[in-house]
């Protein structure tokens, strides 16, 4: 079995931190646009239109 060295642990920790930072950045970047897109979204009207057809 291979052992984890300090270098490997540092790379794993940095990789996890980078992934978390990217996820947080994407959340803040798209937060307002996604919320505004779905704000006027009404599922009941869509289902009623599908039933009428």
PDB file of N, CA and C in Angstrom:
ATOM      1  N   UNK A   1       0.845  -1.185   0.000  1.00  0.00           N
ATOM      2  CA  UNK A   1       0.000   0.000   0.000  1.00  0.00           C
ATOM      3  C   UNK A   1       0.886   1.244   0.000  1.00  0.00           C
ATOM      4  N   UNK A   2       0.420   2.241  -0.709  1.00  0.00           N
ATOM      5  CA  UNK A   2       1.198   3.485  -0.738  1.00  0.00           C
ATOM      6  C   UNK A   2       0.746   4.390   0.390  1.00  0.00           C
ATOM      7  N   UNK A   3       1.683   5.099   0.917  1.00  0.00           N
ATOM      8  CA  UNK A   3       1.382   6.008   2.019  1.00  0.00           C
ATOM      9  C   UNK A   3       1.161   7.410   1.475  1.00  0.00           C
ATOM     10  N   UNK A   4       0.361   8.164   2.187  1.00  0.00           N
ATOM     11  CA  UNK A   4       0.166   9.559   1.816  1.00  0.00           C
ATOM     12  C   UNK A   4       1.310  10.380   2.387  1.00  0.00           C
ATOM     13  N   UNK A   5       1.947  11.125   1.515  1.00  0.00           N
ATOM     14  CA  UNK A   5       3.019  11.999   1.979  1.00  0.00           C
ATOM     15  C   UNK A   5       2.447  13.392   2.203  1.00  0.00           C
ATOM     16  N   UNK A   6       3.262  14.234   2.794  1.00  0.00           N
ATOM     17  CA  UNK A   6       2.832  15.616   3.049  1.00  0.00           C
ATOM     18  C   UNK A   6       2.533  16.326   1.729  1.00  0.00           C
ATOM     19  N   UNK A   7       3.341  16.080   0.697  1.00  0.00           N
ATOM     20  CA  UNK A   7       3.093  16.709  -0.604  1.00  0.00           C
ATOM     21  C   UNK A   7       1.743  16.301  -1.177  1.00  0.00           C
ATOM     22  N   UNK A   8       1.409  15.030  -1.065  1.00  0.00           N
ATOM     23  CA  UNK A   8       0.121  14.568  -1.580  1.00  0.00           C
ATOM     24  C   UNK A   8      -1.039  15.150  -0.784  1.00  0.00           C
ATOM     25  N   UNK A   9      -0.885  15.237   0.524  1.00  0.00           N
ATOM     26  CA  UNK A   9      -1.939  15.828   1.345  1.00  0.00           C
ATOM     27  C   UNK A   9      -2.153  17.298   1.004  1.00  0.00           C
ATOM     28  N   UNK A  10      -1.067  18.019   0.787  1.00  0.00           N
ATOM     29  CA  UNK A  10      -1.176  19.435   0.426  1.00  0.00           C
ATOM     30  C   UNK A  10      -1.884  19.574  -0.921  1.00  0.00           C
ATOM     31  N   UNK A  11      -1.560  18.734  -1.885  1.00  0.00           N
ATOM     32  CA  UNK A  11      -2.211  18.792  -3.195  1.00  0.00           C
ATOM     33  C   UNK A  11      -3.695  18.458  -3.086  1.00  0.00           C
ATOM     34  N   UNK A  12      -4.044  17.491  -2.265  1.00  0.00           N
ATOM     35  CA  UNK A  12      -5.454  17.130  -2.081  1.00  0.00           C
ATOM     36  C   UNK A  12      -6.211  18.277  -1.435  1.00  0.00           C
ATOM     37  N   UNK A  13      -5.639  18.872  -0.401  1.00  0.00           N
ATOM     38  CA  UNK A  13      -6.301  19.982   0.289  1.00  0.00           C
ATOM     39  C   UNK A  13      -6.458  21.172  -0.647  1.00  0.00           C
ATOM     40  N   UNK A  14      -5.416  21.497  -1.409  1.00  0.00           N
ATOM     41  CA  UNK A  14      -5.516  22.614  -2.353  1.00  0.00           C
ATOM     42  C   UNK A  14      -6.561  22.331  -3.436  1.00  0.00           C
ATOM     43  N   UNK A  15      -6.623  21.108  -3.908  1.00  0.00           N
ATOM     44  CA  UNK A  15      -7.620  20.758  -4.911  1.00  0.00           C
ATOM     45  C   UNK A  15      -9.032  20.913  -4.390  1.00  0.00           C
ATOM     46  N   UNK A  16      -9.269  20.468  -3.165  1.00  0.00           N
ATOM     47  CA  UNK A  16     -10.597  20.609  -2.559  1.00  0.00           C
ATOM     48  C   UNK A  16     -10.944  22.080  -2.370  1.00  0.00           C
ATOM     49  N   UNK A  17      -9.984  22.881  -1.934  1.00  0.00           N
ATOM     50  CA  UNK A  17     -10.240  24.315  -1.750  1.00  0.00           C
ATOM     51  C   UNK A  17     -10.535  25.011  -3.073  1.00  0.00           C
ATOM     52  N   UNK A  18      -9.849  24.615  -4.130  1.00  0.00           N
ATOM     53  CA  UNK A  18     -10.108  25.219  -5.444  1.00  0.00           C
ATOM     54  C   UNK A  18     -11.508  24.855  -5.931  1.00  0.00           C
ATOM     55  N   UNK A  19     -11.907  23.608  -5.757  1.00  0.00           N
ATOM     56  CA  UNK A  19     -13.249  23.188  -6.173  1.00  0.00           C
ATOM     57  C   UNK A  19     -14.313  23.956  -5.386  1.00  0.00           C
ATOM     58  N   UNK A  20     -14.120  24.106  -4.094  1.00  0.00           N
ATOM     59  CA  UNK A  20     -15.080  24.859  -3.271  1.00  0.00           C
ATOM     60  C   UNK A  20     -15.135  26.314  -3.713  1.00  0.00           C
ATOM     61  N   UNK A  21     -13.971  26.919  -3.994  1.00  0.00           N
ATOM     62  CA  UNK A  21     -13.937  28.313  -4.434  1.00  0.00           C
ATOM     63  C   UNK A  21     -14.660  28.491  -5.767  1.00  0.00           C
ATOM     64  N   UNK A  22     -14.502  27.555  -6.689  1.00  0.00           N
ATOM     65  CA  UNK A  22     -15.181  27.652  -7.989  1.00  0.00           C
ATOM     66  C   UNK A  22     -16.689  27.527  -7.811  1.00  0.00           C
ATOM     67  N   UNK A  23     -17.131  26.618  -6.964  1.00  0.00           N
ATOM     68  CA  UNK A  23     -18.568  26.443  -6.729  1.00  0.00           C
ATOM     69  C   UNK A  23     -19.164  27.702  -6.113  1.00  0.00           C
ATOM     70  N   UNK A  24     -18.478  28.294  -5.148  1.00  0.00           N
ATOM     71  CA  UNK A  24     -18.972  29.524  -4.511  1.00  0.00           C
ATOM     72  C   UNK A  24     -18.999  30.669  -5.517  1.00  0.00           C
ATOM     73  N   UNK A  25     -17.964  30.771  -6.353  1.00  0.00           N
ATOM     74  CA  UNK A  25     -17.925  31.838  -7.353  1.00  0.00           C
ATOM     75  C   UNK A  25     -19.056  31.693  -8.364  1.00  0.00           C
ATOM     76  N   UNK A  26     -19.304  30.472  -8.827  1.00  0.00           N
ATOM     77  CA  UNK A  26     -20.413  30.253  -9.763  1.00  0.00           C
ATOM     78  C   UNK A  26     -21.749  30.575  -9.117  1.00  0.00           C
ATOM     79  N   UNK A  27     -21.902  30.238  -7.832  1.00  0.00           N
ATOM     80  CA  UNK A  27     -23.154  30.539  -7.132  1.00  0.00           C
ATOM     81  C   UNK A  27     -23.393  32.041  -7.090  1.00  0.00           C
ATOM     82  N   UNK A  28     -22.374  32.805  -6.694  1.00  0.00           N
ATOM     83  CA  UNK A  28     -22.561  34.253  -6.610  1.00  0.00           C
ATOM     84  C   UNK A  28     -22.715  34.890  -7.983  1.00  0.00           C
ATOM     85  N   UNK A  29     -22.081  34.324  -9.012  1.00  0.00           N
ATOM     86  CA  UNK A  29     -22.177  34.889 -10.355  1.00  0.00           C
ATOM     87  C   UNK A  29     -23.570  34.691 -10.941  1.00  0.00           C
ATOM     88  N   UNK A  30     -24.156  33.502 -10.755  1.00  0.00           N
ATOM     89  CA  UNK A  30     -25.444  33.191 -11.367  1.00  0.00           C
ATOM     90  C   UNK A  30     -26.628  33.368 -10.431  1.00  0.00           C
ATOM     91  N   UNK A  31     -26.397  33.767  -9.199  1.00  0.00           N
ATOM     92  CA  UNK A  31     -27.465  33.835  -8.202  1.00  0.00           C
ATOM     93  C   UNK A  31     -28.622  34.718  -8.663  1.00  0.00           C
ATOM     94  N   UNK A  32     -28.323  35.931  -9.090  1.00  0.00           N
ATOM     95  CA  UNK A  32     -29.390  36.857  -9.453  1.00  0.00           C
ATOM     96  C   UNK A  32     -30.066  36.466 -10.758  1.00  0.00           C
ATOM     97  N   UNK A  33     -29.309  35.989 -11.725  1.00  0.00           N
ATOM     98  CA  UNK A  33     -29.902  35.659 -13.014  1.00  0.00           C
ATOM     99  C   UNK A  33     -30.814  34.443 -12.923  1.00  0.00           C
ATOM    100  N   UNK A  34     -30.409  33.435 -12.198  1.00  0.00           N
ATOM    101  CA  UNK A  34     -31.223  32.227 -12.095  1.00  0.00           C
ATOM    102  C   UNK A  34     -32.485  32.512 -11.296  1.00  0.00           C
ATOM    103  N   UNK A  35     -32.376  33.272 -10.228  1.00  0.00           N
ATOM    104  CA  UNK A  35     -33.551  33.601  -9.423  1.00  0.00           C
ATOM    105  C   UNK A  35     -34.521  34.455 -10.238  1.00  0.00           C
ATOM    106  N   UNK A  36     -34.010  35.428 -11.000  1.00  0.00           N
ATOM    107  CA  UNK A  36     -34.887  36.261 -11.830  1.00  0.00           C
ATOM    108  C   UNK A  36     -35.547  35.437 -12.936  1.00  0.00           C
ATOM    109  N   UNK A  37     -34.841  34.451 -13.472  1.00  0.00           N
ATOM    110  CA  UNK A  37     -35.406  33.623 -14.541  1.00  0.00           C
ATOM    111  C   UNK A  37     -36.576  32.809 -14.019  1.00  0.00           C
ATOM    112  N   UNK A  38     -36.456  32.234 -12.830  1.00  0.00           N
ATOM    113  CA  UNK A  38     -37.499  31.374 -12.305  1.00  0.00           C
ATOM    114  C   UNK A  38     -38.555  32.122 -11.494  1.00  0.00           C
ATOM    115  N   UNK A  39     -38.380  33.421 -11.289  1.00  0.00           N
ATOM    116  CA  UNK A  39     -39.335  34.175 -10.481  1.00  0.00           C
ATOM    117  C   UNK A  39     -40.714  34.217 -11.148  1.00  0.00           C
ATOM    118  N   UNK A  40     -40.773  34.400 -12.464  1.00  0.00           N
ATOM    119  CA  UNK A  40     -42.039  34.461 -13.170  1.00  0.00           C
ATOM    120  C   UNK A  40     -42.480  33.111 -13.713  1.00  0.00           C
ATOM    121  N   UNK A  41     -41.875  32.066 -13.243  1.00  0.00           N
ATOM    122  CA  UNK A  41     -42.110  30.716 -13.744  1.00  0.00           C
ATOM    123  C   UNK A  41     -43.254  30.094 -12.969  1.00  0.00           C
ATOM    124  N   UNK A  42     -44.350  29.765 -13.673  1.00  0.00           N
ATOM    125  CA  UNK A  42     -45.522  29.234 -13.002  1.00  0.00           C
ATOM    126  C   UNK A  42     -45.833  27.851 -13.590  1.00  0.00           C
ATOM    127  N   UNK A  43     -45.583  26.815 -12.808  1.00  0.00           N
ATOM    128  CA  UNK A  43     -45.784  25.451 -13.298  1.00  0.00           C
ATOM    129  C   UNK A  43     -47.256  25.133 -13.553  1.00  0.00           C
ATOM    130  N   UNK A  44     -48.151  25.704 -12.770  1.00  0.00           N
ATOM    131  CA  UNK A  44     -49.568  25.375 -12.940  1.00  0.00           C
ATOM    132  C   UNK A  44     -50.078  25.841 -14.303  1.00  0.00           C
ATOM    133  N   UNK A  45     -49.622  26.997 -14.769  1.00  0.00           N
ATOM    134  CA  UNK A  45     -50.041  27.460 -16.094  1.00  0.00           C
ATOM    135  C   UNK A  45     -49.504  26.549 -17.189  1.00  0.00           C
ATOM    136  N   UNK A  46     -48.293  26.085 -17.034  1.00  0.00           N
ATOM    137  CA  UNK A  46     -47.708  25.195 -18.039  1.00  0.00           C
ATOM    138  C   UNK A  46     -48.483  23.881 -18.105  1.00  0.00           C
ATOM    139  N   UNK A  47     -48.787  23.304 -16.936  1.00  0.00           N
ATOM    140  CA  UNK A  47     -49.539  22.054 -16.916  1.00  0.00           C
ATOM    141  C   UNK A  47     -50.947  22.239 -17.470  1.00  0.00           C
ATOM    142  N   UNK A  48     -51.583  23.348 -17.162  1.00  0.00           N
ATOM    143  CA  UNK A  48     -52.940  23.601 -17.687  1.00  0.00           C
ATOM    144  C   UNK A  48     -52.892  23.727 -19.213  1.00  0.00           C
ATOM    145  N   UNK A  49     -51.882  24.387 -19.748  1.00  0.00           N
ATOM    146  CA  UNK A  49     -51.760  24.516 -21.198  1.00  0.00           C
ATOM    147  C   UNK A  49     -51.502  23.162 -21.844  1.00  0.00           C
ATOM    148  N   UNK A  50     -50.738  22.308 -21.202  1.00  0.00           N
ATOM    149  CA  UNK A  50     -50.476  20.980 -21.753  1.00  0.00           C
ATOM    150  C   UNK A  50     -51.736  20.120 -21.745  1.00  0.00           C
ATOM    151  N   UNK A  51     -52.553  20.255 -20.705  1.00  0.00           N
ATOM    152  CA  UNK A  51     -53.789  19.477 -20.614  1.00  0.00           C
ATOM    153  C   UNK A  51     -54.798  19.922 -21.664  1.00  0.00           C
ATOM    154  N   UNK A  52     -54.877  21.230 -21.924  1.00  0.00           N
ATOM    155  CA  UNK A  52     -55.840  21.767 -22.888  1.00  0.00           C
ATOM    156  C   UNK A  52     -55.532  21.311 -24.313  1.00  0.00           C
ATOM    157  N   UNK A  53     -54.302  21.030 -24.627  1.00  0.00           N
ATOM    158  CA  UNK A  53     -53.927  20.660 -26.010  1.00  0.00           C
ATOM    159  C   UNK A  53     -54.268  19.273 -26.304  1.00  0.00           C
TER     160      UNK A  53
END
